[in-house]
Amino acid sequence: MDEHIPMPDNPDITEDYQTLLNYAEQGLDKIIPKGTKKAYSVQELLDGVHFDSPSEGEKMLALADGERKDGGLPGLIKKLNRYVEGDLKVFGLKINYKNISEDLLNRGEK
């Protein structure tokens, strides 16, 4: 499933999330999405997705980069556990995602 990020001043114009990550990894500061002539800051679009601060966007970029370098899903799970806190509730049930992630990591070691 593709995830698209809407432009802050025109939600009808979107850009692919993975494309934004690729631009950021290549050090490209601006992108001109299809359907517009305006250039947008790649970092501002990434920061605006759902992060509390610009540093959160940088952490997620580092996580994505580390996931590719550190062995796929296990590396990503380990890093997410460092950054993700709080309760996850589904249908009123509290889910202990840290235990789930540990079980997934241990499953790969058996």
PDB file of N, CA and C in Angstrom:
ATOM      1  N   MET A   1       0.846  -1.169   0.000  1.00  0.00           N
ATOM      2  CA  MET A   1       0.000   0.000   0.000  1.00  0.00           C
ATOM      3  C   MET A   1       0.895   1.237   0.000  1.00  0.00           C
ATOM      4  N   ASP A   2       0.619   2.162  -0.894  1.00  0.00           N
ATOM      5  CA  ASP A   2       1.372   3.398  -0.968  1.00  0.00           C
ATOM      6  C   ASP A   2       0.794   4.416  -0.001  1.00  0.00           C
ATOM      7  N   GLU A   3       1.689   5.130   0.667  1.00  0.00           N
ATOM      8  CA  GLU A   3       1.260   6.205   1.549  1.00  0.00           C
ATOM      9  C   GLU A   3       1.620   7.517   0.885  1.00  0.00           C
ATOM     10  N   HIS A   4       0.661   8.428   0.850  1.00  0.00           N
ATOM     11  CA  HIS A   4       0.869   9.725   0.230  1.00  0.00           C
ATOM     12  C   HIS A   4       0.701  10.829   1.259  1.00  0.00           C
ATOM     13  N   ILE A   5       1.561  11.825   1.162  1.00  0.00           N
ATOM     14  CA  ILE A   5       1.565  12.949   2.087  1.00  0.00           C
ATOM     15  C   ILE A   5       0.945  14.153   1.383  1.00  0.00           C
ATOM     16  N   PRO A   6      -0.113  14.747   1.962  1.00  0.00           N
ATOM     17  CA  PRO A   6      -0.726  15.925   1.337  1.00  0.00           C
ATOM     18  C   PRO A   6       0.135  17.173   1.545  1.00  0.00           C
ATOM     19  N   MET A   7       0.050  18.084   0.598  1.00  0.00           N
ATOM     20  CA  MET A   7       0.762  19.355   0.732  1.00  0.00           C
ATOM     21  C   MET A   7       0.001  20.213   1.740  1.00  0.00           C
ATOM     22  N   PRO A   8       0.719  20.927   2.612  1.00  0.00           N
ATOM     23  CA  PRO A   8       0.063  21.678   3.683  1.00  0.00           C
ATOM     24  C   PRO A   8      -0.929  22.732   3.203  1.00  0.00           C
ATOM     25  N   ASP A   9      -0.660  23.332   2.055  1.00  0.00           N
ATOM     26  CA  ASP A   9      -1.543  24.385   1.557  1.00  0.00           C
ATOM     27  C   ASP A   9      -2.510  23.898   0.481  1.00  0.00           C
ATOM     28  N   ASN A  10      -2.400  22.619   0.104  1.00  0.00           N
ATOM     29  CA  ASN A  10      -3.281  22.067  -0.922  1.00  0.00           C
ATOM     30  C   ASN A  10      -3.380  20.555  -0.726  1.00  0.00           C
ATOM     31  N   PRO A  11      -4.302  20.093   0.118  1.00  0.00           N
ATOM     32  CA  PRO A  11      -4.400  18.668   0.434  1.00  0.00           C
ATOM     33  C   PRO A  11      -4.759  17.778  -0.758  1.00  0.00           C
ATOM     34  N   ASP A  12      -5.220  18.383  -1.856  1.00  0.00           N
ATOM     35  CA  ASP A  12      -5.522  17.583  -3.046  1.00  0.00           C
ATOM     36  C   ASP A  12      -4.255  17.143  -3.775  1.00  0.00           C
ATOM     37  N   ILE A  13      -3.145  17.840  -3.514  1.00  0.00           N
ATOM     38  CA  ILE A  13      -1.859  17.478  -4.096  1.00  0.00           C
ATOM     39  C   ILE A  13      -1.096  16.657  -3.065  1.00  0.00           C
ATOM     40  N   THR A  14      -0.634  15.470  -3.472  1.00  0.00           N
ATOM     41  CA  THR A  14       0.086  14.596  -2.543  1.00  0.00           C
ATOM     42  C   THR A  14       1.393  14.130  -3.169  1.00  0.00           C
ATOM     43  N   GLU A  15       2.264  13.640  -2.303  1.00  0.00           N
ATOM     44  CA  GLU A  15       3.517  13.041  -2.767  1.00  0.00           C
ATOM     45  C   GLU A  15       3.717  11.729  -2.021  1.00  0.00           C
ATOM     46  N   ASP A  16       4.285  10.774  -2.702  1.00  0.00           N
ATOM     47  CA  ASP A  16       4.544   9.456  -2.138  1.00  0.00           C
ATOM     48  C   ASP A  16       5.540   9.563  -0.978  1.00  0.00           C
ATOM     49  N   TYR A  17       5.208   8.951   0.149  1.00  0.00           N
ATOM     50  CA  TYR A  17       6.049   9.004   1.347  1.00  0.00           C
ATOM     51  C   TYR A  17       7.438   8.435   1.072  1.00  0.00           C
ATOM     52  N   GLN A  18       7.510   7.307   0.385  1.00  0.00           N
ATOM     53  CA  GLN A  18       8.806   6.689   0.101  1.00  0.00           C
ATOM     54  C   GLN A  18       9.658   7.594  -0.782  1.00  0.00           C
ATOM     55  N   THR A  19       9.031   8.297  -1.720  1.00  0.00           N
ATOM     56  CA  THR A  19       9.764   9.242  -2.560  1.00  0.00           C
ATOM     57  C   THR A  19      10.363  10.352  -1.704  1.00  0.00           C
ATOM     58  N   LEU A  20       9.592  10.847  -0.728  1.00  0.00           N
ATOM     59  CA  LEU A  20      10.117  11.875   0.172  1.00  0.00           C
ATOM     60  C   LEU A  20      11.305  11.345   0.976  1.00  0.00           C
ATOM     61  N   LEU A  21      11.207  10.112   1.452  1.00  0.00           N
ATOM     62  CA  LEU A  21      12.334   9.518   2.173  1.00  0.00           C
ATOM     63  C   LEU A  21      13.558   9.405   1.274  1.00  0.00           C
ATOM     64  N   ASN A  22      13.340   8.992   0.020  1.00  0.00           N
ATOM     65  CA  ASN A  22      14.453   8.873  -0.929  1.00  0.00           C
ATOM     66  C   ASN A  22      15.111  10.225  -1.174  1.00  0.00           C
ATOM     67  N   TYR A  23      14.308  11.265  -1.345  1.00  0.00           N
ATOM     68  CA  TYR A  23      14.850  12.619  -1.536  1.00  0.00           C
ATOM     69  C   TYR A  23      15.697  13.025  -0.321  1.00  0.00           C
ATOM     70  N   ALA A  24      15.169  12.787   0.875  1.00  0.00           N
ATOM     71  CA  ALA A  24      15.889  13.162   2.092  1.00  0.00           C
ATOM     72  C   ALA A  24      17.211  12.412   2.198  1.00  0.00           C
ATOM     73  N   GLU A  25      17.197  11.114   1.886  1.00  0.00           N
ATOM     74  CA  GLU A  25      18.412  10.310   1.952  1.00  0.00           C
ATOM     75  C   GLU A  25      19.458  10.794   0.947  1.00  0.00           C
ATOM     76  N   GLN A  26      19.011  11.320  -0.181  1.00  0.00           N
ATOM     77  CA  GLN A  26      19.931  11.820  -1.207  1.00  0.00           C
ATOM     78  C   GLN A  26      20.368  13.265  -0.944  1.00  0.00           C
ATOM     79  N   GLY A  27      19.816  13.873   0.097  1.00  0.00           N
ATOM     80  CA  GLY A  27      20.182  15.246   0.433  1.00  0.00           C
ATOM     81  C   GLY A  27      19.488  16.288  -0.428  1.00  0.00           C
ATOM     82  N   LEU A  28      18.403  15.911  -1.073  1.00  0.00           N
ATOM     83  CA  LEU A  28      17.643  16.854  -1.901  1.00  0.00           C
ATOM     84  C   LEU A  28      16.655  17.594  -1.001  1.00  0.00           C
ATOM     85  N   ASP A  29      16.764  18.908  -0.983  1.00  0.00           N
ATOM     86  CA  ASP A  29      15.972  19.717  -0.049  1.00  0.00           C
ATOM     87  C   ASP A  29      14.547  19.990  -0.499  1.00  0.00           C
ATOM     88  N   LYS A  30      14.309  20.075  -1.798  1.00  0.00           N
ATOM     89  CA  LYS A  30      13.002  20.480  -2.321  1.00  0.00           C
ATOM     90  C   LYS A  30      12.458  19.430  -3.283  1.00  0.00           C
ATOM     91  N   ILE A  31      11.124  19.412  -3.374  1.00  0.00           N
ATOM     92  CA  ILE A  31      10.440  18.550  -4.327  1.00  0.00           C
ATOM     93  C   ILE A  31       9.275  19.332  -4.922  1.00  0.00           C
ATOM     94  N   ILE A  32       9.015  19.113  -6.207  1.00  0.00           N
ATOM     95  CA  ILE A  32       7.857  19.722  -6.874  1.00  0.00           C
ATOM     96  C   ILE A  32       6.912  18.573  -7.223  1.00  0.00           C
ATOM     97  N   PRO A  33       5.857  18.417  -6.426  1.00  0.00           N
ATOM     98  CA  PRO A  33       4.909  17.316  -6.677  1.00  0.00           C
ATOM     99  C   PRO A  33       4.165  17.491  -8.004  1.00  0.00           C
ATOM    100  N   LYS A  34       3.784  16.372  -8.579  1.00  0.00           N
ATOM    101  CA  LYS A  34       2.989  16.390  -9.807  1.00  0.00           C
ATOM    102  C   LYS A  34       1.687  17.149  -9.549  1.00  0.00           C
ATOM    103  N   GLY A  35       1.333  18.027 -10.471  1.00  0.00           N
ATOM    104  CA  GLY A  35       0.103  18.794 -10.341  1.00  0.00           C
ATOM    105  C   GLY A  35       0.295  20.185  -9.769  1.00  0.00           C
ATOM    106  N   THR A  36       1.545  20.549  -9.488  1.00  0.00           N
ATOM    107  CA  THR A  36       1.833  21.880  -8.964  1.00  0.00           C
ATOM    108  C   THR A  36       3.164  22.367  -9.530  1.00  0.00           C
ATOM    109  N   LYS A  37       3.363  23.648  -9.464  1.00  0.00           N
ATOM    110  CA  LYS A  37       4.633  24.241  -9.880  1.00  0.00           C
ATOM    111  C   LYS A  37       5.432  24.720  -8.677  1.00  0.00           C
ATOM    112  N   LYS A  38       4.878  24.536  -7.498  1.00  0.00           N
ATOM    113  CA  LYS A  38       5.495  25.016  -6.268  1.00  0.00           C
ATOM    114  C   LYS A  38       6.462  23.970  -5.704  1.00  0.00           C
ATOM    115  N   ALA A  39       7.618  24.434  -5.237  1.00  0.00           N
ATOM    116  CA  ALA A  39       8.587  23.562  -4.582  1.00  0.00           C
ATOM    117  C   ALA A  39       8.298  23.529  -3.079  1.00  0.00           C
ATOM    118  N   TYR A  40       8.343  22.350  -2.498  1.00  0.00           N
ATOM    119  CA  TYR A  40       8.100  22.157  -1.078  1.00  0.00           C
ATOM    120  C   TYR A  40       9.347  21.584  -0.414  1.00  0.00           C
ATOM    121  N   SER A  41       9.545  21.942   0.835  1.00  0.00           N
ATOM    122  CA  SER A  41      10.656  21.403   1.611  1.00  0.00           C
ATOM    123  C   SER A  41      10.382  19.939   1.945  1.00  0.00           C
ATOM    124  N   VAL A  42      11.294  19.077   1.542  1.00  0.00           N
ATOM    125  CA  VAL A  42      11.150  17.647   1.807  1.00  0.00           C
ATOM    126  C   VAL A  42      11.100  17.400   3.318  1.00  0.00           C
ATOM    127  N   GLN A  43      12.011  18.021   4.064  1.00  0.00           N
ATOM    128  CA  GLN A  43      12.068  17.804   5.512  1.00  0.00           C
ATOM    129  C   GLN A  43      10.795  18.286   6.204  1.00  0.00           C
ATOM    130  N   GLU A  44      10.263  19.433   5.783  1.00  0.00           N
ATOM    131  CA  GLU A  44       9.029  19.935   6.403  1.00  0.00           C
ATOM    132  C   GLU A  44       7.853  19.000   6.127  1.00  0.00           C
ATOM    133  N   LEU A  45       7.800  18.435   4.933  1.00  0.00           N
ATOM    134  CA  LEU A  45       6.722  17.495   4.623  1.00  0.00           C
ATOM    135  C   LEU A  45       6.855  16.240   5.480  1.00  0.00           C
ATOM    136  N   LEU A  46       8.076  15.739   5.631  1.00  0.00           N
ATOM    137  CA  LEU A  46       8.279  14.555   6.466  1.00  0.00           C
ATOM    138  C   LEU A  46       7.989  14.853   7.932  1.00  0.00           C
ATOM    139  N   ASP A  47       8.423  16.015   8.411  1.00  0.00           N
ATOM    140  CA  ASP A  47       8.186  16.381   9.808  1.00  0.00           C
ATOM    141  C   ASP A  47       6.705  16.549  10.100  1.00  0.00           C
ATOM    142  N   GLY A  48       5.938  16.958   9.094  1.00  0.00           N
ATOM    143  CA  GLY A  48       4.529  17.242   9.293  1.00  0.00           C
ATOM    144  C   GLY A  48       3.620  16.040   9.247  1.00  0.00           C
ATOM    145  N   VAL A  49       4.158  14.871   8.979  1.00  0.00           N
ATOM    146  CA  VAL A  49       3.309  13.693   8.836  1.00  0.00           C
ATOM    147  C   VAL A  49       2.585  13.382  10.139  1.00  0.00           C
ATOM    148  N   HIS A  50       3.309  13.112  11.196  1.00  0.00           N
ATOM    149  CA  HIS A  50       2.691  12.822  12.485  1.00  0.00           C
ATOM    150  C   HIS A  50       3.679  12.923  13.625  1.00  0.00           C
ATOM    151  N   PHE A  51       4.731  13.670  13.425  1.00  0.00           N
ATOM    152  CA  PHE A  51       5.766  13.765  14.443  1.00  0.00           C
ATOM    153  C   PHE A  51       5.532  14.988  15.320  1.00  0.00           C
ATOM    154  N   ASP A  52       5.953  14.875  16.561  1.00  0.00           N
ATOM    155  CA  ASP A  52       5.765  15.949  17.525  1.00  0.00           C
ATOM    156  C   ASP A  52       6.768  17.077  17.352  1.00  0.00           C
ATOM    157  N   SER A  53       7.906  16.780  16.764  1.00  0.00           N
ATOM    158  CA  SER A  53       8.925  17.807  16.576  1.00  0.00           C
ATOM    159  C   SER A  53       9.791  17.436  15.388  1.00  0.00           C
ATOM    160  N   PRO A  54      10.522  18.398  14.830  1.00  0.00           N
ATOM    161  CA  PRO A  54      11.401  18.086  13.704  1.00  0.00           C
ATOM    162  C   PRO A  54      12.392  16.973  14.024  1.00  0.00           C
ATOM    163  N   SER A  55      12.848  16.898  15.266  1.00  0.00           N
ATOM    164  CA  SER A  55      13.807  15.853  15.609  1.00  0.00           C
ATOM    165  C   SER A  55      13.182  14.464  15.502  1.00  0.00           C
ATOM    166  N   GLU A  56      11.861  14.361  15.692  1.00  0.00           N
ATOM    167  CA  GLU A  56      11.187  13.073  15.539  1.00  0.00           C
ATOM    168  C   GLU A  56      11.280  12.595  14.093  1.00  0.00           C
ATOM    169  N   GLY A  57      11.129  13.516  13.145  1.00  0.00           N
ATOM    170  CA  GLY A  57      11.275  13.151  11.739  1.00  0.00           C
ATOM    171  C   GLY A  57      12.672  12.648  11.440  1.00  0.00           C
ATOM    172  N   GLU A  58      13.659  13.299  12.039  1.00  0.00           N
ATOM    173  CA  GLU A  58      15.041  12.858  11.847  1.00  0.00           C
ATOM    174  C   GLU A  58      15.249  11.473  12.451  1.00  0.00           C
ATOM    175  N   LYS A  59      14.637  11.203  13.594  1.00  0.00           N
ATOM    176  CA  LYS A  59      14.760   9.880  14.206  1.00  0.00           C
ATOM    177  C   LYS A  59      14.165   8.809  13.298  1.00  0.00           C
ATOM    178  N   MET A  60      13.005   9.105  12.718  1.00  0.00           N
ATOM    179  CA  MET A  60      12.378   8.119  11.840  1.00  0.00           C
ATOM    180  C   MET A  60      13.213   7.874  10.594  1.00  0.00           C
ATOM    181  N   LEU A  61      13.839   8.930  10.042  1.00  0.00           N
ATOM    182  CA  LEU A  61      14.737   8.735   8.904  1.00  0.00           C
ATOM    183  C   LEU A  61      15.908   7.852   9.315  1.00  0.00           C
ATOM    184  N   ALA A  62      16.454   8.090  10.496  1.00  0.00           N
ATOM    185  CA  ALA A  62      17.569   7.277  10.992  1.00  0.00           C
ATOM    186  C   ALA A  62      17.121   5.829  11.193  1.00  0.00           C
ATOM    187  N   LEU A  63      15.903   5.642  11.704  1.00  0.00           N
ATOM    188  CA  LEU A  63      15.374   4.292  11.877  1.00  0.00           C
ATOM    189  C   LEU A  63      15.254   3.576  10.542  1.00  0.00           C
ATOM    190  N   ALA A  64      14.707   4.265   9.553  1.00  0.00           N
ATOM    191  CA  ALA A  64      14.539   3.657   8.234  1.00  0.00           C
ATOM    192  C   ALA A  64      15.888   3.301   7.634  1.00  0.00           C
ATOM    193  N   ASP A  65      16.870   4.187   7.770  1.00  0.00           N
ATOM    194  CA  ASP A  65      18.201   3.931   7.254  1.00  0.00           C
ATOM    195  C   ASP A  65      18.846   2.767   7.994  1.00  0.00           C
ATOM    196  N   GLY A  66      18.709   2.764   9.312  1.00  0.00           N
ATOM    197  CA  GLY A  66      19.270   1.686  10.116  1.00  0.00           C
ATOM    198  C   GLY A  66      18.617   0.348   9.829  1.00  0.00           C
ATOM    199  N   GLU A  67      17.338   0.370   9.548  1.00  0.00           N
ATOM    200  CA  GLU A  67      16.612  -0.863   9.250  1.00  0.00           C
ATOM    201  C   GLU A  67      17.204  -1.528   8.018  1.00  0.00           C
ATOM    202  N   ARG A  68      17.566  -0.738   7.033  1.00  0.00           N
ATOM    203  CA  ARG A  68      18.164  -1.317   5.830  1.00  0.00           C
ATOM    204  C   ARG A  68      19.565  -1.856   6.118  1.00  0.00           C
ATOM    205  N   LYS A  69      20.301  -1.180   6.996  1.00  0.00           N
ATOM    206  CA  LYS A  69      21.689  -1.567   7.286  1.00  0.00           C
ATOM    207  C   LYS A  69      21.787  -2.665   8.339  1.00  0.00           C
ATOM    208  N   ASP A  70      20.829  -2.707   9.275  1.00  0.00           N
ATOM    209  CA  ASP A  70      20.955  -3.567  10.447  1.00  0.00           C
ATOM    210  C   ASP A  70      20.097  -4.818  10.405  1.00  0.00           C
ATOM    211  N   GLY A  71      19.775  -5.307   9.245  1.00  0.00           N
ATOM    212  CA  GLY A  71      19.129  -6.606   9.188  1.00  0.00           C
ATOM    213  C   GLY A  71      17.625  -6.618   9.152  1.00  0.00           C
ATOM    214  N   GLY A  72      16.995  -5.692   8.515  1.00  0.00           N
ATOM    215  CA  GLY A  72      15.563  -5.754   8.279  1.00  0.00           C
ATOM    216  C   GLY A  72      14.718  -5.560   9.521  1.00  0.00           C
ATOM    217  N   LEU A  73      13.667  -6.344   9.616  1.00  0.00           N
ATOM    218  CA  LEU A  73      12.666  -6.186  10.666  1.00  0.00           C
ATOM    219  C   LEU A  73      13.248  -6.278  12.080  1.00  0.00           C
ATOM    220  N   PRO A  74      14.123  -7.223  12.397  1.00  0.00           N
ATOM    221  CA  PRO A  74      14.652  -7.263  13.766  1.00  0.00           C
ATOM    222  C   PRO A  74      15.366  -5.969  14.161  1.00  0.00           C
ATOM    223  N   GLY A  75      16.151  -5.429  13.259  1.00  0.00           N
ATOM    224  CA  GLY A  75      16.842  -4.173  13.563  1.00  0.00           C
ATOM    225  C   GLY A  75      15.867  -3.031  13.770  1.00  0.00           C
ATOM    226  N   LEU A  76      14.832  -2.989  12.942  1.00  0.00           N
ATOM    227  CA  LEU A  76      13.826  -1.950  13.072  1.00  0.00           C
ATOM    228  C   LEU A  76      13.065  -2.077  14.395  1.00  0.00           C
ATOM    229  N   ILE A  77      12.696  -3.289  14.765  1.00  0.00           N
ATOM    230  CA  ILE A  77      11.962  -3.504  16.016  1.00  0.00           C
ATOM    231  C   ILE A  77      12.795  -3.044  17.206  1.00  0.00           C
ATOM    232  N   LYS A  78      14.077  -3.389  17.216  1.00  0.00           N
ATOM    233  CA  LYS A  78      14.942  -2.978  18.325  1.00  0.00           C
ATOM    234  C   LYS A  78      15.010  -1.462  18.441  1.00  0.00           C
ATOM    235  N   LYS A  79      15.129  -0.790  17.318  1.00  0.00           N
ATOM    236  CA  LYS A  79      15.235   0.660  17.343  1.00  0.00           C
ATOM    237  C   LYS A  79      13.904   1.313  17.713  1.00  0.00           C
ATOM    238  N   LEU A  80      12.803   0.789  17.207  1.00  0.00           N
ATOM    239  CA  LEU A  80      11.502   1.352  17.556  1.00  0.00           C
ATOM    240  C   LEU A  80      11.246   1.256  19.052  1.00  0.00           C
ATOM    241  N   ASN A  81      11.683   0.173  19.663  1.00  0.00           N
ATOM    242  CA  ASN A  81      11.489   0.020  21.106  1.00  0.00           C
ATOM    243  C   ASN A  81      12.231   1.087  21.890  1.00  0.00           C
ATOM    244  N   ARG A  82      13.279   1.652  21.308  1.00  0.00           N
ATOM    245  CA  ARG A  82      13.999   2.734  21.968  1.00  0.00           C
ATOM    246  C   ARG A  82      13.212   4.038  21.919  1.00  0.00           C
ATOM    247  N   TYR A  83      12.396   4.232  20.875  1.00  0.00           N
ATOM    248  CA  TYR A  83      11.745   5.517  20.652  1.00  0.00           C
ATOM    249  C   TYR A  83      10.253   5.537  20.964  1.00  0.00           C
ATOM    250  N   VAL A  84       9.602   4.394  20.922  1.00  0.00           N
ATOM    251  CA  VAL A  84       8.149   4.349  21.064  1.00  0.00           C
ATOM    252  C   VAL A  84       7.779   4.083  22.512  1.00  0.00           C
ATOM    253  N   GLU A  85       6.891   4.923  23.036  1.00  0.00           N
ATOM    254  CA  GLU A  85       6.396   4.751  24.397  1.00  0.00           C
ATOM    255  C   GLU A  85       4.887   4.960  24.395  1.00  0.00           C
ATOM    256  N   GLY A  86       4.255   4.541  25.464  1.00  0.00           N
ATOM    257  CA  GLY A  86       2.825   4.777  25.596  1.00  0.00           C
ATOM    258  C   GLY A  86       2.029   3.503  25.471  1.00  0.00           C
ATOM    259  N   ASP A  87       0.739   3.636  25.688  1.00  0.00           N
ATOM    260  CA  ASP A  87      -0.154   2.493  25.636  1.00  0.00           C
ATOM    261  C   ASP A  87      -0.800   2.398  24.268  1.00  0.00           C
ATOM    262  N   LEU A  88      -0.884   1.209  23.767  1.00  0.00           N
ATOM    263  CA  LEU A  88      -1.586   0.938  22.530  1.00  0.00           C
ATOM    264  C   LEU A  88      -2.853   0.187  22.905  1.00  0.00           C
ATOM    265  N   LYS A  89      -4.002   0.747  22.541  1.00  0.00           N
ATOM    266  CA  LYS A  89      -5.267   0.099  22.867  1.00  0.00           C
ATOM    267  C   LYS A  89      -6.025  -0.225  21.596  1.00  0.00           C
ATOM    268  N   VAL A  90      -6.519  -1.451  21.537  1.00  0.00           N
ATOM    269  CA  VAL A  90      -7.327  -1.905  20.411  1.00  0.00           C
ATOM    270  C   VAL A  90      -8.606  -2.484  20.986  1.00  0.00           C
ATOM    271  N   PHE A  91      -9.733  -1.927  20.587  1.00  0.00           N
ATOM    272  CA  PHE A  91     -11.036  -2.354  21.084  1.00  0.00           C
ATOM    273  C   PHE A  91     -11.076  -2.369  22.611  1.00  0.00           C
ATOM    274  N   GLY A  92     -10.437  -1.369  23.225  1.00  0.00           N
ATOM    275  CA  GLY A  92     -10.446  -1.246  24.668  1.00  0.00           C
ATOM    276  C   GLY A  92      -9.438  -2.117  25.390  1.00  0.00           C
ATOM    277  N   LEU A  93      -8.687  -2.930  24.660  1.00  0.00           N
ATOM    278  CA  LEU A  93      -7.680  -3.792  25.278  1.00  0.00           C
ATOM    279  C   LEU A  93      -6.310  -3.158  25.157  1.00  0.00           C
ATOM    280  N   LYS A  94      -5.571  -3.160  26.250  1.00  0.00           N
ATOM    281  CA  LYS A  94      -4.213  -2.628  26.227  1.00  0.00           C
ATOM    282  C   LYS A  94      -3.286  -3.683  25.626  1.00  0.00           C
ATOM    283  N   ILE A  95      -2.533  -3.274  24.618  1.00  0.00           N
ATOM    284  CA  ILE A  95      -1.614  -4.176  23.930  1.00  0.00           C
ATOM    285  C   ILE A  95      -0.188  -3.851  24.375  1.00  0.00           C
ATOM    286  N   ASN A  96       0.538  -4.849  24.840  1.00  0.00           N
ATOM    287  CA  ASN A  96       1.924  -4.653  25.244  1.00  0.00           C
ATOM    288  C   ASN A  96       2.806  -4.926  24.026  1.00  0.00           C
ATOM    289  N   TYR A  97       3.025  -3.872  23.234  1.00  0.00           N
ATOM    290  CA  TYR A  97       3.769  -4.028  21.995  1.00  0.00           C
ATOM    291  C   TYR A  97       5.236  -4.371  22.238  1.00  0.00           C
ATOM    292  N   LYS A  98       5.781  -3.976  23.381  1.00  0.00           N
ATOM    293  CA  LYS A  98       7.184  -4.320  23.668  1.00  0.00           C
ATOM    294  C   LYS A  98       7.337  -5.832  23.818  1.00  0.00           C
ATOM    295  N   ASN A  99       6.400  -6.489  24.500  1.00  0.00           N
ATOM    296  CA  ASN A  99       6.469  -7.947  24.620  1.00  0.00           C
ATOM    297  C   ASN A  99       6.263  -8.624  23.272  1.00  0.00           C
ATOM    298  N   ILE A 100       5.360  -8.079  22.478  1.00  0.00           N
ATOM    299  CA  ILE A 100       5.139  -8.637  21.141  1.00  0.00           C
ATOM    300  C   ILE A 100       6.418  -8.537  20.320  1.00  0.00           C
ATOM    301  N   SER A 101       7.058  -7.368  20.377  1.00  0.00           N
ATOM    302  CA  SER A 101       8.276  -7.192  19.587  1.00  0.00           C
ATOM    303  C   SER A 101       9.390  -8.112  20.090  1.00  0.00           C
ATOM    304  N   GLU A 102       9.503  -8.289  21.425  1.00  0.00           N
ATOM    305  CA  GLU A 102      10.511  -9.209  21.959  1.00  0.00           C
ATOM    306  C   GLU A 102      10.245 -10.633  21.487  1.00  0.00           C
ATOM    307  N   ASP A 103       8.982 -11.056  21.498  1.00  0.00           N
ATOM    308  CA  ASP A 103       8.631 -12.394  21.016  1.00  0.00           C
ATOM    309  C   ASP A 103       8.976 -12.553  19.537  1.00  0.00           C
ATOM    310  N   LEU A 104       8.721 -11.520  18.757  1.00  0.00           N
ATOM    311  CA  LEU A 104       9.068 -11.598  17.335  1.00  0.00           C
ATOM    312  C   LEU A 104      10.582 -11.706  17.148  1.00  0.00           C
ATOM    313  N   LEU A 105      11.322 -10.947  17.938  1.00  0.00           N
ATOM    314  CA  LEU A 105      12.782 -11.016  17.844  1.00  0.00           C
ATOM    315  C   LEU A 105      13.298 -12.393  18.289  1.00  0.00           C
ATOM    316  N   ASN A 106      12.739 -12.915  19.358  1.00  0.00           N
ATOM    317  CA  ASN A 106      13.173 -14.230  19.873  1.00  0.00           C
ATOM    318  C   ASN A 106      12.791 -15.356  18.928  1.00  0.00           C
ATOM    319  N   ARG A 107      11.666 -15.205  18.225  1.00  0.00           N
ATOM    320  CA  ARG A 107      11.235 -16.232  17.273  1.00  0.00           C
ATOM    321  C   ARG A 107      12.281 -16.430  16.179  1.00  0.00           C
ATOM    322  N   GLY A 108      12.891 -15.315  15.754  1.00  0.00           N
ATOM    323  CA  GLY A 108      13.899 -15.404  14.705  1.00  0.00           C
ATOM    324  C   GLY A 108      15.193 -16.045  15.175  1.00  0.00           C
ATOM    325  N   GLU A 109      15.434 -16.091  16.494  1.00  0.00           N
ATOM    326  CA  GLU A 109      16.670 -16.645  17.031  1.00  0.00           C
ATOM    327  C   GLU A 109      16.566 -18.140  17.300  1.00  0.00           C
ATOM    328  N   LYS A 110      15.350 -18.677  17.335  1.00  0.00           N
ATOM    329  CA  LYS A 110      15.163 -20.105  17.659  1.00  0.00           C
ATOM    330  C   LYS A 110      15.391 -20.985  16.466  1.00  0.00           C
TER     331      LYS A 110
END
